[in-house]
């Protein structure tokens, strides 16, 4: 039972479930739940967003008990990568994406380096828990498509030797790319709770170069 709203804890638990299902090579994941209350319906909707489908139900003294099933055999759905997460299609474009050390582990807590303290990265913020995250860019390369693979490269820490601080750490999967964002408010809305930045920091990013507004890449945090 997840009581705290707004922290993306549901996605955090789903990632743990998917990671374990992958580790143990299971073919199917199922969940039983009652869909009587608003909270239960929200949970059913969340599971549906990640490929769970209703297999059946039974009437009980406590109400309707629904069985939701997720086929976990290897497959890919480039039109909606959430449905086949965490599997990836190698026959797609691959991109290497740099990320500064100051933002790296804040966005990818499972990719924490051995030289960092895990005490600083407990699951206390929504951007840390979410599977679906946001990367902000001004790159002229914007030809990304759903299902493309992005490899995140943690850049060298200022003033330190490159060894153990500058390396590729994380694989992501593109969900969608949002360009031509019409306003600052829309930009903040798209990035809120799934990026490492506060609303004020997002506004600064939006206004940093007025002739080259940032665009947004929604991606899935797949592997560390």
Protein backbone atom coordinates (compact mmCIF):
# COMPACT_ATOMS: atom_id res chain seq x y z
CA UNK A 1 0.00 0.00 0.00
CA UNK A 2 1.43 3.33 -1.08
CA UNK A 3 0.00 6.22 0.91
CA UNK A 4 2.17 9.18 -0.18
CA UNK A 5 0.92 10.75 -3.39
CA UNK A 6 3.07 12.85 -5.69
CA UNK A 7 6.30 10.90 -5.17
CA UNK A 8 5.95 8.46 -8.11
CA UNK A 9 6.29 5.58 -5.64
CA UNK A 10 4.00 3.44 -7.76
CA UNK A 11 6.54 3.57 -10.60
CA UNK A 12 9.37 2.85 -8.17
CA UNK A 13 7.63 -0.31 -6.99
CA UNK A 14 6.89 -1.31 -10.58
CA UNK A 15 10.57 -0.98 -11.47
CA UNK A 16 11.48 -3.25 -8.56
CA UNK A 17 8.88 -5.77 -9.77
CA UNK A 18 10.12 -5.63 -13.38
CA UNK A 19 13.78 -5.91 -12.29
CA UNK A 20 12.98 -9.01 -10.25
CA UNK A 21 10.87 -10.54 -13.02
CA UNK A 22 13.80 -10.04 -15.38
CA UNK A 23 16.27 -11.50 -12.90
CA UNK A 24 14.20 -14.63 -12.37
CA UNK A 25 13.23 -15.00 -16.07
CA UNK A 26 9.49 -15.14 -15.43
CA UNK A 27 7.06 -15.20 -18.34
CA UNK A 28 4.13 -13.51 -16.66
CA UNK A 29 3.33 -11.10 -13.83
CA UNK A 30 -0.13 -10.96 -12.30
CA UNK A 31 -1.83 -8.75 -9.74
CA UNK A 32 -5.18 -9.20 -8.02
CA UNK A 33 -7.01 -6.17 -6.70
CA UNK A 34 -10.44 -4.82 -5.91
CA UNK A 35 -11.41 -1.83 -8.05
CA UNK A 36 -14.07 -0.39 -5.79
CA UNK A 37 -12.34 2.69 -4.37
CA UNK A 38 -10.71 5.64 -6.11
CA UNK A 39 -7.28 4.54 -4.90
CA UNK A 40 -7.78 1.02 -6.27
CA UNK A 41 -8.97 2.39 -9.61
CA UNK A 42 -5.90 4.64 -9.80
CA UNK A 43 -3.69 1.62 -9.16
CA UNK A 44 -5.48 -0.33 -11.92
CA UNK A 45 -4.97 2.61 -14.30
CA UNK A 46 -1.27 2.80 -13.41
CA UNK A 47 -0.83 -0.91 -14.08
CA UNK A 48 -2.71 -0.52 -17.37
CA UNK A 49 -0.26 2.18 -18.42
CA UNK A 50 2.53 -0.42 -18.11
CA UNK A 51 0.92 -3.20 -20.10
CA UNK A 52 -1.20 -5.03 -17.53
CA UNK A 53 -4.50 -6.29 -18.98
CA UNK A 54 -7.59 -7.64 -17.28
CA UNK A 55 -7.55 -11.43 -17.45
CA UNK A 56 -10.70 -12.07 -15.46
CA UNK A 57 -12.53 -11.37 -12.23
CA UNK A 58 -14.59 -13.02 -9.54
CA UNK A 59 -17.29 -11.74 -7.26
CA UNK A 60 -16.46 -12.03 -3.56
CA UNK A 61 -18.04 -10.93 -0.30
CA UNK A 62 -15.73 -7.89 -0.46
CA UNK A 63 -16.69 -6.96 -4.01
CA UNK A 64 -15.29 -7.56 -7.47
CA UNK A 65 -11.74 -8.94 -7.44
CA UNK A 66 -9.92 -8.31 -10.72
CA UNK A 67 -6.93 -10.24 -12.07
CA UNK A 68 -4.51 -8.14 -14.15
CA UNK A 69 -1.78 -9.88 -16.15
CA UNK A 70 1.38 -8.58 -17.83
CA UNK A 71 2.96 -10.84 -20.46
CA UNK A 72 6.67 -10.65 -19.66
CA UNK A 73 8.09 -12.72 -22.49
CA UNK A 74 10.64 -10.75 -24.55
CA UNK A 75 8.94 -8.43 -27.04
CA UNK A 76 9.13 -4.81 -28.10
CA UNK A 77 6.43 -2.22 -28.80
CA UNK A 78 8.07 0.86 -30.28
CA UNK A 79 4.72 2.65 -30.53
CA UNK A 80 4.41 2.50 -26.72
CA UNK A 81 7.61 1.28 -25.02
CA UNK A 82 5.85 1.17 -21.63
CA UNK A 83 3.91 -1.90 -22.77
CA UNK A 84 7.07 -3.94 -23.35
CA UNK A 85 9.36 -2.32 -20.75
CA UNK A 86 12.17 -3.13 -19.99
CA UNK A 87 12.86 -4.88 -23.30
CA UNK A 88 14.61 -2.89 -26.03
CA UNK A 89 14.89 -3.27 -29.78
CA UNK A 90 18.52 -3.20 -30.92
CA UNK A 91 17.45 -2.38 -34.50
CA UNK A 92 16.83 1.27 -33.66
CA UNK A 93 18.89 4.45 -33.48
CA UNK A 94 21.35 4.82 -30.60
CA UNK A 95 22.40 8.11 -29.04
CA UNK A 96 25.04 8.96 -26.46
CA UNK A 97 23.77 11.69 -24.15
CA UNK A 98 26.04 13.57 -21.70
CA UNK A 99 24.83 14.42 -18.23
CA UNK A 100 26.68 16.50 -15.63
CA UNK A 101 27.69 14.78 -12.35
CA UNK A 102 25.56 17.26 -10.39
CA UNK A 103 22.43 15.83 -12.04
CA UNK A 104 23.43 12.24 -12.77
CA UNK A 105 22.59 10.33 -9.59
CA UNK A 106 19.73 12.69 -8.78
CA UNK A 107 18.05 11.44 -11.96
CA UNK A 108 19.43 7.86 -11.90
CA UNK A 109 19.66 6.69 -8.25
CA UNK A 110 20.24 3.06 -9.29
CA UNK A 111 23.30 4.17 -11.27
CA UNK A 112 25.06 5.59 -8.23
CA UNK A 113 28.86 5.34 -8.35
CA UNK A 114 30.82 3.54 -5.65
CA UNK A 115 32.51 6.85 -4.83
CA UNK A 116 29.17 8.46 -3.90
CA UNK A 117 27.22 8.18 -0.66
CA UNK A 118 23.87 6.42 -1.03
CA UNK A 119 22.62 8.30 2.04
CA UNK A 120 22.20 11.37 -0.19
CA UNK A 121 19.92 9.59 -2.66
CA UNK A 122 17.05 8.03 -0.75
CA UNK A 123 13.76 7.81 -2.66
CA UNK A 124 12.42 11.11 -1.34
CA UNK A 125 11.79 12.93 -4.63
CA UNK A 126 9.49 12.06 -7.54
CA UNK A 127 12.21 12.42 -10.19
CA UNK A 128 14.25 9.72 -8.42
CA UNK A 129 11.38 7.24 -8.28
CA UNK A 130 9.85 7.68 -11.73
CA UNK A 131 10.59 5.17 -14.50
CA UNK A 132 9.43 7.72 -17.06
CA UNK A 133 11.80 10.67 -16.84
CA UNK A 134 12.57 13.90 -18.67
CA UNK A 135 15.80 15.05 -20.30
CA UNK A 136 16.05 18.68 -21.43
CA UNK A 137 18.23 19.56 -24.41
CA UNK A 138 19.09 22.25 -26.93
CA UNK A 139 20.90 19.89 -29.27
CA UNK A 140 20.48 20.41 -32.99
CA UNK A 141 20.06 16.64 -33.23
CA UNK A 142 16.36 16.14 -32.62
CA UNK A 143 15.66 13.16 -34.81
CA UNK A 144 14.80 10.76 -32.00
CA UNK A 145 11.85 8.37 -32.22
CA UNK A 146 9.97 6.18 -29.73
CA UNK A 147 11.98 3.01 -29.10
CA UNK A 148 15.37 4.61 -29.80
CA UNK A 149 18.11 3.80 -27.29
CA UNK A 150 19.92 6.50 -25.33
CA UNK A 151 23.12 5.78 -23.42
CA UNK A 152 23.84 8.31 -20.70
CA UNK A 153 27.43 9.39 -20.24
CA UNK A 154 28.31 10.85 -16.86
CA UNK A 155 30.85 13.58 -17.55
CA UNK A 156 34.07 14.16 -15.61
CA UNK A 157 33.77 15.83 -12.22
CA UNK A 158 35.49 19.23 -12.17
CA UNK A 159 38.87 19.14 -10.45
CA UNK A 160 39.00 15.32 -10.22
CA UNK A 161 40.80 12.65 -12.20
CA UNK A 162 38.66 11.19 -14.96
CA UNK A 163 38.97 7.64 -13.62
CA UNK A 164 35.77 6.36 -12.03
CA UNK A 165 33.91 9.63 -12.48
CA UNK A 166 33.61 9.85 -16.27
CA UNK A 167 31.80 6.84 -17.71
CA UNK A 168 28.69 5.49 -19.37
CA UNK A 169 26.26 4.39 -16.67
CA UNK A 170 22.67 4.10 -17.84
CA UNK A 171 20.50 2.92 -20.73
CA UNK A 172 17.23 4.66 -21.49
CA UNK A 173 14.47 4.17 -24.03
CA UNK A 174 12.84 7.08 -25.84
CA UNK A 175 9.11 7.46 -25.26
CA UNK A 176 8.52 10.68 -27.18
CA UNK A 177 10.25 13.89 -28.18
CA UNK A 178 8.43 17.18 -27.68
CA UNK A 179 9.61 20.12 -29.76
CA UNK A 180 7.97 23.45 -30.61
CA UNK A 181 6.71 23.92 -27.06
CA UNK A 182 4.41 26.92 -27.15
CA UNK A 183 5.04 28.55 -23.78
CA UNK A 184 7.11 28.65 -20.61
CA UNK A 185 4.18 27.33 -18.57
CA UNK A 186 3.75 24.35 -20.88
CA UNK A 187 7.48 23.62 -20.66
CA UNK A 188 7.38 23.64 -16.84
CA UNK A 189 4.26 21.45 -16.86
CA UNK A 190 5.94 18.87 -19.15
CA UNK A 191 9.07 18.64 -16.98
CA UNK A 192 7.69 18.97 -13.47
CA UNK A 193 8.37 15.97 -11.16
CA UNK A 194 10.21 13.95 -13.83
CA UNK A 195 13.34 16.08 -14.18
CA UNK A 196 16.01 17.11 -11.68
CA UNK A 197 15.03 20.80 -11.80
CA UNK A 198 12.73 22.94 -9.68
CA UNK A 199 10.09 25.10 -11.38
CA UNK A 200 12.33 28.17 -11.04
CA UNK A 201 15.29 26.34 -12.57
CA UNK A 202 13.09 25.18 -15.43
CA UNK A 203 12.06 28.75 -16.13
CA UNK A 204 15.72 29.77 -16.27
CA UNK A 205 16.41 26.96 -18.76
CA UNK A 206 13.50 28.12 -20.91
CA UNK A 207 14.73 31.72 -21.01
CA UNK A 208 18.46 31.05 -21.22
CA UNK A 209 18.59 31.33 -25.02
CA UNK A 210 15.47 32.81 -26.49
CA UNK A 211 16.56 31.99 -30.05
CA UNK A 212 17.12 28.33 -29.15
CA UNK A 213 14.42 27.12 -26.80
CA UNK A 214 14.96 23.71 -25.17
CA UNK A 215 13.05 20.62 -26.21
CA UNK A 216 11.99 17.68 -24.06
CA UNK A 217 12.80 13.98 -24.35
CA UNK A 218 10.55 11.68 -22.37
CA UNK A 219 12.41 8.42 -21.79
CA UNK A 220 12.21 5.25 -19.72
CA UNK A 221 14.94 4.46 -17.21
CA UNK A 222 15.82 0.90 -18.25
CA UNK A 223 19.20 -0.41 -17.10
CA UNK A 224 22.08 0.67 -14.88
